[in-house]
Amino acid sequence: LPKMEHSREAKIWNCIFDRAEKFTGIGEGSIRATVLIETLPAVFQMNEILYELRDHSIGLNCGRWDYIFSYVKTVQAHPDRLLPDRVQVGMTQHFMRSYSDLLIRTCHRRGVHAMGGMAAQIPIRDNPAANEKALELVRKDKLREVRAGHDGTWAAHPGLIPAILEVFTSNMGGKPNQIQTAKREDSDSITEEDLLQRPRGVRTMEGLRL
């Protein structure tokens, strides 16, 4: 379920799922959904969103690219919140890392899966060297996710799945998820200031034109 900004939207979807199950005669809770946390307002509503979808939710997903856009859109009237060049706005920025860590903590506290986001790279079939470079960037990104406590991730292309699966399989100790092993209680201290902190970096004309 994408683009959600408030738990009231989750409540609407919960009603839709309940009615669909009743109409089709399937069991309650048969319809399962993952909510993409890809808007700035939604990061402050994660517990409420999971509560509204409690009979249907299997977890939350870090929709990071749209989340960055939502940050820009939400704070556009504040000149002091202007982001640096977009190549510098990644998951190592404090506000993005806080968003990801809080999502993991929230999901695992509620017993559901925390899903990582899509890497920007895709396979490059006609250039083996460039393809391996792209795959290495994906592996690095997924290793960061699994070490942070994510239970799985999204793949932008089927060709990335073997590399992604290898990273998660090799780093999860044979367990299907990290709900019990990566509680991320350290993330309890994440505040509104952490989630809204202006990213560090420079702004250039070249970056503006990208």
C-alpha atoms as a PDB file:
ATOM      1  CA  LEU A   1       0.000   0.000   0.000  1.00  0.00           C
ATOM      2  CA  PRO A   2       1.856   3.110  -1.210  1.00  0.00           C
ATOM      3  CA  LYS A   3       1.819   6.849  -0.552  1.00  0.00           C
ATOM      4  CA  MET A   4      -0.011   6.627   2.770  1.00  0.00           C
ATOM      5  CA  GLU A   5       0.226   9.711   4.999  1.00  0.00           C
ATOM      6  CA  HIS A   6      -2.111   8.949   7.896  1.00  0.00           C
ATOM      7  CA  SER A   7      -3.515   6.008   9.814  1.00  0.00           C
ATOM      8  CA  ARG A   8      -7.023   6.968   8.703  1.00  0.00           C
ATOM      9  CA  GLU A   9      -6.042   5.796   5.223  1.00  0.00           C
ATOM     10  CA  ALA A  10      -4.965   2.474   6.711  1.00  0.00           C
ATOM     11  CA  LYS A  11      -8.357   2.205   8.399  1.00  0.00           C
ATOM     12  CA  ILE A  12     -10.059   2.618   5.012  1.00  0.00           C
ATOM     13  CA  TRP A  13      -7.926  -0.169   3.549  1.00  0.00           C
ATOM     14  CA  ASN A  14      -8.715  -2.367   6.531  1.00  0.00           C
ATOM     15  CA  CYS A  15     -12.434  -1.923   5.829  1.00  0.00           C
ATOM     16  CA  ILE A  16     -11.865  -2.742   2.150  1.00  0.00           C
ATOM     17  CA  PHE A  17      -9.989  -5.923   3.033  1.00  0.00           C
ATOM     18  CA  ASP A  18     -12.640  -6.981   5.562  1.00  0.00           C
ATOM     19  CA  ARG A  19     -15.444  -6.485   3.050  1.00  0.00           C
ATOM     20  CA  ALA A  20     -13.504  -8.224   0.273  1.00  0.00           C
ATOM     21  CA  GLU A  21     -12.917 -11.264   2.486  1.00  0.00           C
ATOM     22  CA  LYS A  22     -16.572 -11.380   3.469  1.00  0.00           C
ATOM     23  CA  PHE A  23     -17.748 -10.932  -0.123  1.00  0.00           C
ATOM     24  CA  THR A  24     -15.501 -13.684  -1.486  1.00  0.00           C
ATOM     25  CA  GLY A  25     -16.049 -16.038   1.427  1.00  0.00           C
ATOM     26  CA  ILE A  26     -12.392 -16.375   2.396  1.00  0.00           C
ATOM     27  CA  GLY A  27     -11.193 -16.432   5.983  1.00  0.00           C
ATOM     28  CA  GLU A  28     -10.676 -13.308   8.040  1.00  0.00           C
ATOM     29  CA  GLY A  29      -7.098 -12.074   7.788  1.00  0.00           C
ATOM     30  CA  SER A  30      -6.433 -13.918   4.512  1.00  0.00           C
ATOM     31  CA  ILE A  31      -5.573 -10.678   2.715  1.00  0.00           C
ATOM     32  CA  ARG A  32      -2.122  -9.510   3.756  1.00  0.00           C
ATOM     33  CA  ALA A  33      -0.488  -6.185   2.976  1.00  0.00           C
ATOM     34  CA  THR A  34       2.778  -4.319   3.336  1.00  0.00           C
ATOM     35  CA  VAL A  35       2.604  -0.562   3.818  1.00  0.00           C
ATOM     36  CA  LEU A  36       5.276   1.550   2.178  1.00  0.00           C
ATOM     37  CA  ILE A  37       6.466   4.220   4.572  1.00  0.00           C
ATOM     38  CA  GLU A  38       7.443   6.670   1.872  1.00  0.00           C
ATOM     39  CA  THR A  39       6.013   9.961   3.109  1.00  0.00           C
ATOM     40  CA  LEU A  40       7.277  12.154   5.911  1.00  0.00           C
ATOM     41  CA  PRO A  41       3.900  12.327   7.714  1.00  0.00           C
ATOM     42  CA  ALA A  42       3.642   8.516   7.742  1.00  0.00           C
ATOM     43  CA  VAL A  43       6.880   8.060   9.683  1.00  0.00           C
ATOM     44  CA  PHE A  44       5.129   9.696  12.637  1.00  0.00           C
ATOM     45  CA  GLN A  45       2.128   7.339  12.261  1.00  0.00           C
ATOM     46  CA  MET A  46       3.766   3.916  11.950  1.00  0.00           C
ATOM     47  CA  ASN A  47       2.348   2.448  15.155  1.00  0.00           C
ATOM     48  CA  GLU A  48      -1.108   3.741  14.324  1.00  0.00           C
ATOM     49  CA  ILE A  49      -0.918   2.403  10.758  1.00  0.00           C
ATOM     50  CA  LEU A  50       0.027  -1.057  12.003  1.00  0.00           C
ATOM     51  CA  TYR A  51      -2.789  -0.950  14.547  1.00  0.00           C
ATOM     52  CA  GLU A  52      -5.425  -0.096  11.949  1.00  0.00           C
ATOM     53  CA  LEU A  53      -4.220  -2.954   9.718  1.00  0.00           C
ATOM     54  CA  ARG A  54      -3.503  -5.334  12.592  1.00  0.00           C
ATOM     55  CA  ASP A  55      -5.461  -8.229  11.035  1.00  0.00           C
ATOM     56  CA  HIS A  56      -3.907  -7.764   7.603  1.00  0.00           C
ATOM     57  CA  SER A  57      -0.426  -6.281   7.981  1.00  0.00           C
ATOM     58  CA  ILE A  58       2.744  -8.272   7.455  1.00  0.00           C
ATOM     59  CA  GLY A  59       5.015  -5.280   7.886  1.00  0.00           C
ATOM     60  CA  LEU A  60       6.320  -1.946   6.695  1.00  0.00           C
ATOM     61  CA  ASN A  61       8.689  -1.091   3.866  1.00  0.00           C
ATOM     62  CA  CYS A  62      11.245   1.707   3.618  1.00  0.00           C
ATOM     63  CA  GLY A  63      10.197   3.494   0.427  1.00  0.00           C
ATOM     64  CA  ARG A  64      13.254   5.688   0.592  1.00  0.00           C
ATOM     65  CA  TRP A  65      13.238   7.452  -2.781  1.00  0.00           C
ATOM     66  CA  ASP A  66       9.691   8.741  -2.438  1.00  0.00           C
ATOM     67  CA  TYR A  67      10.398   9.452   1.222  1.00  0.00           C
ATOM     68  CA  ILE A  68      13.137  11.879   0.197  1.00  0.00           C
ATOM     69  CA  PHE A  69      10.728  13.527  -2.255  1.00  0.00           C
ATOM     70  CA  SER A  70       8.092  13.754   0.473  1.00  0.00           C
ATOM     71  CA  TYR A  71      10.624  15.421   2.769  1.00  0.00           C
ATOM     72  CA  VAL A  72      11.331  18.013   0.069  1.00  0.00           C
ATOM     73  CA  LYS A  73       7.626  18.576  -0.588  1.00  0.00           C
ATOM     74  CA  THR A  74       6.647  18.773   3.073  1.00  0.00           C
ATOM     75  CA  VAL A  75       9.295  21.314   4.117  1.00  0.00           C
ATOM     76  CA  GLN A  76       9.480  23.250   0.845  1.00  0.00           C
ATOM     77  CA  ALA A  77       8.443  26.509   2.535  1.00  0.00           C
ATOM     78  CA  HIS A  78      11.455  26.390   4.859  1.00  0.00           C
ATOM     79  CA  PRO A  79      14.657  27.640   3.139  1.00  0.00           C
ATOM     80  CA  ASP A  80      16.808  26.235   5.940  1.00  0.00           C
ATOM     81  CA  ARG A  81      15.621  22.720   4.994  1.00  0.00           C
ATOM     82  CA  LEU A  82      16.903  22.825   1.419  1.00  0.00           C
ATOM     83  CA  LEU A  83      18.589  19.521   0.619  1.00  0.00           C
ATOM     84  CA  PRO A  84      22.099  19.148  -0.811  1.00  0.00           C
ATOM     85  CA  ASP A  85      22.713  17.567  -4.225  1.00  0.00           C
ATOM     86  CA  ARG A  86      20.641  14.409  -4.429  1.00  0.00           C
ATOM     87  CA  VAL A  87      23.674  12.136  -4.891  1.00  0.00           C
ATOM     88  CA  GLN A  88      24.587  13.066  -1.314  1.00  0.00           C
ATOM     89  CA  VAL A  89      21.187  12.193   0.154  1.00  0.00           C
ATOM     90  CA  GLY A  90      21.486   8.501   0.957  1.00  0.00           C
ATOM     91  CA  MET A  91      20.775   6.144   3.814  1.00  0.00           C
ATOM     92  CA  THR A  92      23.879   7.273   5.695  1.00  0.00           C
ATOM     93  CA  GLN A  93      22.352  10.710   6.260  1.00  0.00           C
ATOM     94  CA  HIS A  94      21.159  11.037   9.852  1.00  0.00           C
ATOM     95  CA  PHE A  95      17.497  11.698   9.034  1.00  0.00           C
ATOM     96  CA  MET A  96      17.364   8.705   6.678  1.00  0.00           C
ATOM     97  CA  ARG A  97      19.134   6.367   9.069  1.00  0.00           C
ATOM     98  CA  SER A  98      16.792   7.474  11.862  1.00  0.00           C
ATOM     99  CA  TYR A  99      13.776   6.771   9.646  1.00  0.00           C
ATOM    100  CA  SER A 100      15.041   3.290   8.816  1.00  0.00           C
ATOM    101  CA  ASP A 101      16.026   2.418  12.390  1.00  0.00           C
ATOM    102  CA  LEU A 102      12.701   3.599  13.793  1.00  0.00           C
ATOM    103  CA  LEU A 103      10.812   1.555  11.203  1.00  0.00           C
ATOM    104  CA  ILE A 104      12.730  -1.579  12.194  1.00  0.00           C
ATOM    105  CA  ARG A 105      12.132  -0.937  15.891  1.00  0.00           C
ATOM    106  CA  THR A 106       8.425  -0.283  15.349  1.00  0.00           C
ATOM    107  CA  CYS A 107       7.881  -3.386  13.215  1.00  0.00           C
ATOM    108  CA  HIS A 108       9.773  -5.774  15.470  1.00  0.00           C
ATOM    109  CA  ARG A 109       8.075  -4.395  18.553  1.00  0.00           C
ATOM    110  CA  ARG A 110       4.735  -5.239  16.905  1.00  0.00           C
ATOM    111  CA  GLY A 111       5.885  -8.633  15.625  1.00  0.00           C
ATOM    112  CA  VAL A 112       5.829  -7.839  11.898  1.00  0.00           C
ATOM    113  CA  HIS A 113       8.471  -7.634   9.184  1.00  0.00           C
ATOM    114  CA  ALA A 114      10.662  -4.623   8.437  1.00  0.00           C
ATOM    115  CA  MET A 115      11.441  -4.498   4.727  1.00  0.00           C
ATOM    116  CA  GLY A 116      14.328  -2.613   3.172  1.00  0.00           C
ATOM    117  CA  GLY A 117      13.955  -0.410   0.123  1.00  0.00           C
ATOM    118  CA  MET A 118      14.984  -0.758  -3.472  1.00  0.00           C
ATOM    119  CA  ALA A 119      18.560  -0.116  -4.542  1.00  0.00           C
ATOM    120  CA  ALA A 120      18.825   2.219  -7.510  1.00  0.00           C
ATOM    121  CA  GLN A 121      20.980  -0.103  -9.612  1.00  0.00           C
ATOM    122  CA  ILE A 122      19.787  -2.601 -12.234  1.00  0.00           C
ATOM    123  CA  PRO A 123      21.752  -5.288 -14.126  1.00  0.00           C
ATOM    124  CA  ILE A 124      23.798  -4.129 -17.131  1.00  0.00           C
ATOM    125  CA  ARG A 125      23.725  -7.099 -19.490  1.00  0.00           C
ATOM    126  CA  ASP A 126      26.074  -5.890 -22.215  1.00  0.00           C
ATOM    127  CA  ASN A 127      28.884  -4.703 -19.921  1.00  0.00           C
ATOM    128  CA  PRO A 128      30.158  -7.337 -17.458  1.00  0.00           C
ATOM    129  CA  ALA A 129      32.489  -4.933 -15.653  1.00  0.00           C
ATOM    130  CA  ALA A 130      29.792  -2.303 -15.171  1.00  0.00           C
ATOM    131  CA  ASN A 131      27.322  -5.023 -14.184  1.00  0.00           C
ATOM    132  CA  GLU A 132      29.608  -6.337 -11.456  1.00  0.00           C
ATOM    133  CA  LYS A 133      30.146  -2.804 -10.189  1.00  0.00           C
ATOM    134  CA  ALA A 134      26.382  -2.289  -9.993  1.00  0.00           C
ATOM    135  CA  LEU A 135      25.896  -5.626  -8.217  1.00  0.00           C
ATOM    136  CA  GLU A 136      28.580  -4.732  -5.695  1.00  0.00           C
ATOM    137  CA  LEU A 137      26.755  -1.506  -4.866  1.00  0.00           C
ATOM    138  CA  VAL A 138      23.558  -3.510  -4.366  1.00  0.00           C
ATOM    139  CA  ARG A 139      25.345  -6.019  -2.112  1.00  0.00           C
ATOM    140  CA  LYS A 140      26.779  -3.196  -0.021  1.00  0.00           C
ATOM    141  CA  ASP A 141      23.358  -1.582   0.340  1.00  0.00           C
ATOM    142  CA  LYS A 142      21.675  -4.864   1.313  1.00  0.00           C
ATOM    143  CA  LEU A 143      24.427  -5.697   3.793  1.00  0.00           C
ATOM    144  CA  ARG A 144      23.714  -2.371   5.482  1.00  0.00           C
ATOM    145  CA  GLU A 145      20.020  -3.281   5.630  1.00  0.00           C
ATOM    146  CA  VAL A 146      20.428  -6.765   7.059  1.00  0.00           C
ATOM    147  CA  ARG A 147      22.948  -5.572   9.643  1.00  0.00           C
ATOM    148  CA  ALA A 148      20.536  -2.826  10.684  1.00  0.00           C
ATOM    149  CA  GLY A 149      17.866  -5.463  11.344  1.00  0.00           C
ATOM    150  CA  HIS A 150      15.717  -5.630   8.219  1.00  0.00           C
ATOM    151  CA  ASP A 151      14.002  -8.956   7.562  1.00  0.00           C
ATOM    152  CA  GLY A 152      13.978  -8.682   3.780  1.00  0.00           C
ATOM    153  CA  THR A 153      14.012  -6.152   0.996  1.00  0.00           C
ATOM    154  CA  TRP A 154      12.601  -5.164  -2.362  1.00  0.00           C
ATOM    155  CA  ALA A 155      14.371  -5.862  -5.643  1.00  0.00           C
ATOM    156  CA  ALA A 156      14.101  -3.407  -8.515  1.00  0.00           C
ATOM    157  CA  HIS A 157      14.876  -6.144 -11.069  1.00  0.00           C
ATOM    158  CA  PRO A 158      14.663  -9.977 -11.058  1.00  0.00           C
ATOM    159  CA  GLY A 159      18.337 -10.117 -12.007  1.00  0.00           C
ATOM    160  CA  LEU A 160      19.267  -8.679  -8.613  1.00  0.00           C
ATOM    161  CA  ILE A 161      17.495 -11.338  -6.561  1.00  0.00           C
ATOM    162  CA  PRO A 162      20.363 -13.906  -6.420  1.00  0.00           C
ATOM    163  CA  ALA A 163      22.841 -11.307  -5.120  1.00  0.00           C
ATOM    164  CA  ILE A 164      20.336  -9.904  -2.616  1.00  0.00           C
ATOM    165  CA  LEU A 165      19.283 -13.356  -1.403  1.00  0.00           C
ATOM    166  CA  GLU A 166      22.909 -14.340  -0.873  1.00  0.00           C
ATOM    167  CA  VAL A 167      23.528 -11.310   1.353  1.00  0.00           C
ATOM    168  CA  PHE A 168      20.452 -11.880   3.511  1.00  0.00           C
ATOM    169  CA  THR A 169      20.920 -15.658   3.736  1.00  0.00           C
ATOM    170  CA  SER A 170      24.563 -15.281   4.747  1.00  0.00           C
ATOM    171  CA  ASN A 171      23.857 -12.753   7.476  1.00  0.00           C
ATOM    172  CA  MET A 172      20.673 -13.945   9.200  1.00  0.00           C
ATOM    173  CA  GLY A 173      22.041 -17.003  10.955  1.00  0.00           C
ATOM    174  CA  GLY A 174      19.646 -19.395   9.271  1.00  0.00           C
ATOM    175  CA  LYS A 175      16.602 -17.577  10.633  1.00  0.00           C
ATOM    176  CA  PRO A 176      13.659 -16.551   8.404  1.00  0.00           C
ATOM    177  CA  ASN A 177      13.560 -13.064   9.933  1.00  0.00           C
ATOM    178  CA  GLN A 178      15.110 -10.886  12.649  1.00  0.00           C
ATOM    179  CA  ILE A 179      11.938  -9.996  14.539  1.00  0.00           C
ATOM    180  CA  GLN A 180      13.188 -11.610  17.753  1.00  0.00           C
ATOM    181  CA  THR A 181      16.926 -11.066  17.306  1.00  0.00           C
ATOM    182  CA  ALA A 182      17.066  -7.412  16.198  1.00  0.00           C
ATOM    183  CA  LYS A 183      14.803  -5.551  18.608  1.00  0.00           C
ATOM    184  CA  ARG A 184      16.639  -2.249  18.017  1.00  0.00           C
ATOM    185  CA  GLU A 185      15.748  -0.913  21.455  1.00  0.00           C
ATOM    186  CA  ASP A 186      18.481   1.680  20.887  1.00  0.00           C
ATOM    187  CA  SER A 187      16.059   3.344  18.473  1.00  0.00           C
ATOM    188  CA  ASP A 188      13.664   4.232  21.303  1.00  0.00           C
ATOM    189  CA  SER A 189      15.637   7.453  21.697  1.00  0.00           C
ATOM    190  CA  ILE A 190      14.936   8.650  18.132  1.00  0.00           C
ATOM    191  CA  THR A 191      13.162  11.989  18.270  1.00  0.00           C
ATOM    192  CA  GLU A 192      11.318  14.338  15.948  1.00  0.00           C
ATOM    193  CA  GLU A 193      14.563  16.283  15.611  1.00  0.00           C
ATOM    194  CA  ASP A 194      16.352  13.156  14.360  1.00  0.00           C
ATOM    195  CA  LEU A 195      13.690  12.540  11.717  1.00  0.00           C
ATOM    196  CA  LEU A 196      13.723  16.148  10.535  1.00  0.00           C
ATOM    197  CA  GLN A 197      17.438  16.888  10.736  1.00  0.00           C
ATOM    198  CA  ARG A 198      18.656  18.739   7.646  1.00  0.00           C
ATOM    199  CA  PRO A 199      21.020  16.570   5.572  1.00  0.00           C
ATOM    200  CA  ARG A 200      24.667  17.558   5.426  1.00  0.00           C
ATOM    201  CA  GLY A 201      26.264  18.319   2.078  1.00  0.00           C
ATOM    202  CA  VAL A 202      26.748  20.917  -0.623  1.00  0.00           C
ATOM    203  CA  ARG A 203      24.433  22.342  -3.246  1.00  0.00           C
ATOM    204  CA  THR A 204      25.757  22.935  -6.750  1.00  0.00           C
ATOM    205  CA  MET A 205      24.317  24.038 -10.076  1.00  0.00           C
ATOM    206  CA  GLU A 206      25.307  20.685 -11.553  1.00  0.00           C
ATOM    207  CA  GLY A 207      23.329  18.899  -8.848  1.00  0.00           C
ATOM    208  CA  LEU A 208      20.337  21.167  -9.429  1.00  0.00           C
ATOM    209  CA  ARG A 209      20.313  20.284 -13.130  1.00  0.00           C
ATOM    210  CA  LEU A 210      20.301  16.518 -12.566  1.00  0.00           C
END
